[in-house]
């Protein structure tokens, strides 16, 4: 008979069930992505909102510039290594 195959299937189901319970326990840890972000209503004036918007635009532009510099440096190193090994 094939009792060995049935036994291995039962063990597989048990181990999967144990994994599910661990996932449930880890679901509400601090690293969970289920935190809700709530904004409180503020009485910000339109010119203040415009200043905040401009500040965020400048910050994002600086971040994009840094990312492009890092990407270009990485690509130049990668191309130089590639050309070195070709020759």
C-alpha atoms as a PDB file:
ATOM      1  CA  UNK A   1       0.000   0.000   0.000  1.00  0.00           C
ATOM      2  CA  UNK A   2       0.999   3.653  -0.208  1.00  0.00           C
ATOM      3  CA  UNK A   3       0.713   4.544   3.445  1.00  0.00           C
ATOM      4  CA  UNK A   4       4.060   6.363   3.300  1.00  0.00           C
ATOM      5  CA  UNK A   5       2.691   8.842   0.771  1.00  0.00           C
ATOM      6  CA  UNK A   6      -0.391   9.459   2.906  1.00  0.00           C
ATOM      7  CA  UNK A   7       1.763   9.962   5.989  1.00  0.00           C
ATOM      8  CA  UNK A   8       3.975  12.502   4.191  1.00  0.00           C
ATOM      9  CA  UNK A   9       0.866  14.373   3.003  1.00  0.00           C
ATOM     10  CA  UNK A  10      -0.433  14.521   6.579  1.00  0.00           C
ATOM     11  CA  UNK A  11       2.922  15.847   7.819  1.00  0.00           C
ATOM     12  CA  UNK A  12       2.960  18.439   5.042  1.00  0.00           C
ATOM     13  CA  UNK A  13      -0.512  19.664   5.996  1.00  0.00           C
ATOM     14  CA  UNK A  14       0.507  19.892   9.679  1.00  0.00           C
ATOM     15  CA  UNK A  15       3.607  21.913   8.907  1.00  0.00           C
ATOM     16  CA  UNK A  16       1.639  24.256   6.654  1.00  0.00           C
ATOM     17  CA  UNK A  17      -0.929  24.756   9.417  1.00  0.00           C
ATOM     18  CA  UNK A  18       1.883  25.597  11.860  1.00  0.00           C
ATOM     19  CA  UNK A  19       3.224  28.187   9.429  1.00  0.00           C
ATOM     20  CA  UNK A  20      -0.187  29.799   9.155  1.00  0.00           C
ATOM     21  CA  UNK A  21      -0.444  30.249  12.885  1.00  0.00           C
ATOM     22  CA  UNK A  22       2.964  31.961  12.942  1.00  0.00           C
ATOM     23  CA  UNK A  23       1.827  34.318  10.228  1.00  0.00           C
ATOM     24  CA  UNK A  24      -1.221  35.257  12.272  1.00  0.00           C
ATOM     25  CA  UNK A  25       0.967  36.021  15.280  1.00  0.00           C
ATOM     26  CA  UNK A  26       3.322  38.170  13.209  1.00  0.00           C
ATOM     27  CA  UNK A  27       0.468  40.028  11.569  1.00  0.00           C
ATOM     28  CA  UNK A  28       0.098  42.671  14.302  1.00  0.00           C
ATOM     29  CA  UNK A  29       3.765  43.389  14.983  1.00  0.00           C
ATOM     30  CA  UNK A  30       5.345  46.822  14.758  1.00  0.00           C
ATOM     31  CA  UNK A  31       6.544  46.209  11.216  1.00  0.00           C
ATOM     32  CA  UNK A  32       3.037  45.650   9.946  1.00  0.00           C
ATOM     33  CA  UNK A  33       1.993  47.690   6.927  1.00  0.00           C
ATOM     34  CA  UNK A  34      -1.570  47.970   8.147  1.00  0.00           C
ATOM     35  CA  UNK A  35      -1.037  51.205  10.045  1.00  0.00           C
ATOM     36  CA  UNK A  36      -3.491  53.843   9.026  1.00  0.00           C
ATOM     37  CA  UNK A  37      -2.285  57.318   8.289  1.00  0.00           C
ATOM     38  CA  UNK A  38      -4.702  59.940   9.466  1.00  0.00           C
ATOM     39  CA  UNK A  39      -4.514  63.594   8.674  1.00  0.00           C
ATOM     40  CA  UNK A  40      -5.950  66.065  11.077  1.00  0.00           C
ATOM     41  CA  UNK A  41      -7.804  68.995   9.660  1.00  0.00           C
ATOM     42  CA  UNK A  42      -5.662  72.070   9.876  1.00  0.00           C
ATOM     43  CA  UNK A  43      -6.441  75.676   9.389  1.00  0.00           C
ATOM     44  CA  UNK A  44      -3.530  76.293   7.039  1.00  0.00           C
ATOM     45  CA  UNK A  45      -3.780  79.301   4.824  1.00  0.00           C
ATOM     46  CA  UNK A  46      -3.418  78.944   1.066  1.00  0.00           C
ATOM     47  CA  UNK A  47      -0.040  80.671   0.953  1.00  0.00           C
ATOM     48  CA  UNK A  48       1.278  78.346   3.679  1.00  0.00           C
ATOM     49  CA  UNK A  49       0.099  75.343   1.702  1.00  0.00           C
ATOM     50  CA  UNK A  50       1.804  76.750  -1.391  1.00  0.00           C
ATOM     51  CA  UNK A  51       5.066  77.182   0.548  1.00  0.00           C
ATOM     52  CA  UNK A  52       4.870  73.591   1.808  1.00  0.00           C
ATOM     53  CA  UNK A  53       4.158  72.355  -1.714  1.00  0.00           C
ATOM     54  CA  UNK A  54       7.150  74.232  -3.122  1.00  0.00           C
ATOM     55  CA  UNK A  55       9.392  72.943  -0.334  1.00  0.00           C
ATOM     56  CA  UNK A  56       8.339  69.367  -1.091  1.00  0.00           C
ATOM     57  CA  UNK A  57       8.976  69.895  -4.802  1.00  0.00           C
ATOM     58  CA  UNK A  58      12.505  71.110  -4.085  1.00  0.00           C
ATOM     59  CA  UNK A  59      13.173  68.151  -1.777  1.00  0.00           C
ATOM     60  CA  UNK A  60      11.901  65.657  -4.345  1.00  0.00           C
ATOM     61  CA  UNK A  61      13.986  67.301  -7.053  1.00  0.00           C
ATOM     62  CA  UNK A  62      17.110  66.968  -4.883  1.00  0.00           C
ATOM     63  CA  UNK A  63      16.319  63.319  -4.212  1.00  0.00           C
ATOM     64  CA  UNK A  64      15.871  62.653  -7.945  1.00  0.00           C
ATOM     65  CA  UNK A  65      19.174  64.375  -8.733  1.00  0.00           C
ATOM     66  CA  UNK A  66      20.984  62.252  -6.137  1.00  0.00           C
ATOM     67  CA  UNK A  67      19.401  59.097  -7.522  1.00  0.00           C
ATOM     68  CA  UNK A  68      20.429  59.981 -11.064  1.00  0.00           C
ATOM     69  CA  UNK A  69      24.013  60.695  -9.977  1.00  0.00           C
ATOM     70  CA  UNK A  70      24.241  57.381  -8.157  1.00  0.00           C
ATOM     71  CA  UNK A  71      22.698  55.539 -11.098  1.00  0.00           C
ATOM     72  CA  UNK A  72      25.063  57.151 -13.603  1.00  0.00           C
ATOM     73  CA  UNK A  73      28.094  56.327 -11.430  1.00  0.00           C
ATOM     74  CA  UNK A  74      26.954  52.738 -11.077  1.00  0.00           C
ATOM     75  CA  UNK A  75      26.328  52.400 -14.796  1.00  0.00           C
ATOM     76  CA  UNK A  76      29.714  53.895 -15.678  1.00  0.00           C
ATOM     77  CA  UNK A  77      31.458  51.456 -13.326  1.00  0.00           C
ATOM     78  CA  UNK A  78      29.450  48.585 -14.754  1.00  0.00           C
ATOM     79  CA  UNK A  79      30.266  49.529 -18.339  1.00  0.00           C
ATOM     80  CA  UNK A  80      33.959  50.000 -17.558  1.00  0.00           C
ATOM     81  CA  UNK A  81      34.133  46.576 -15.881  1.00  0.00           C
ATOM     82  CA  UNK A  82      32.316  45.039 -18.832  1.00  0.00           C
ATOM     83  CA  UNK A  83      34.706  46.650 -21.323  1.00  0.00           C
ATOM     84  CA  UNK A  84      37.685  45.568 -19.225  1.00  0.00           C
ATOM     85  CA  UNK A  85      36.656  41.925 -19.370  1.00  0.00           C
ATOM     86  CA  UNK A  86      35.873  42.060 -23.096  1.00  0.00           C
ATOM     87  CA  UNK A  87      39.375  43.288 -23.980  1.00  0.00           C
END
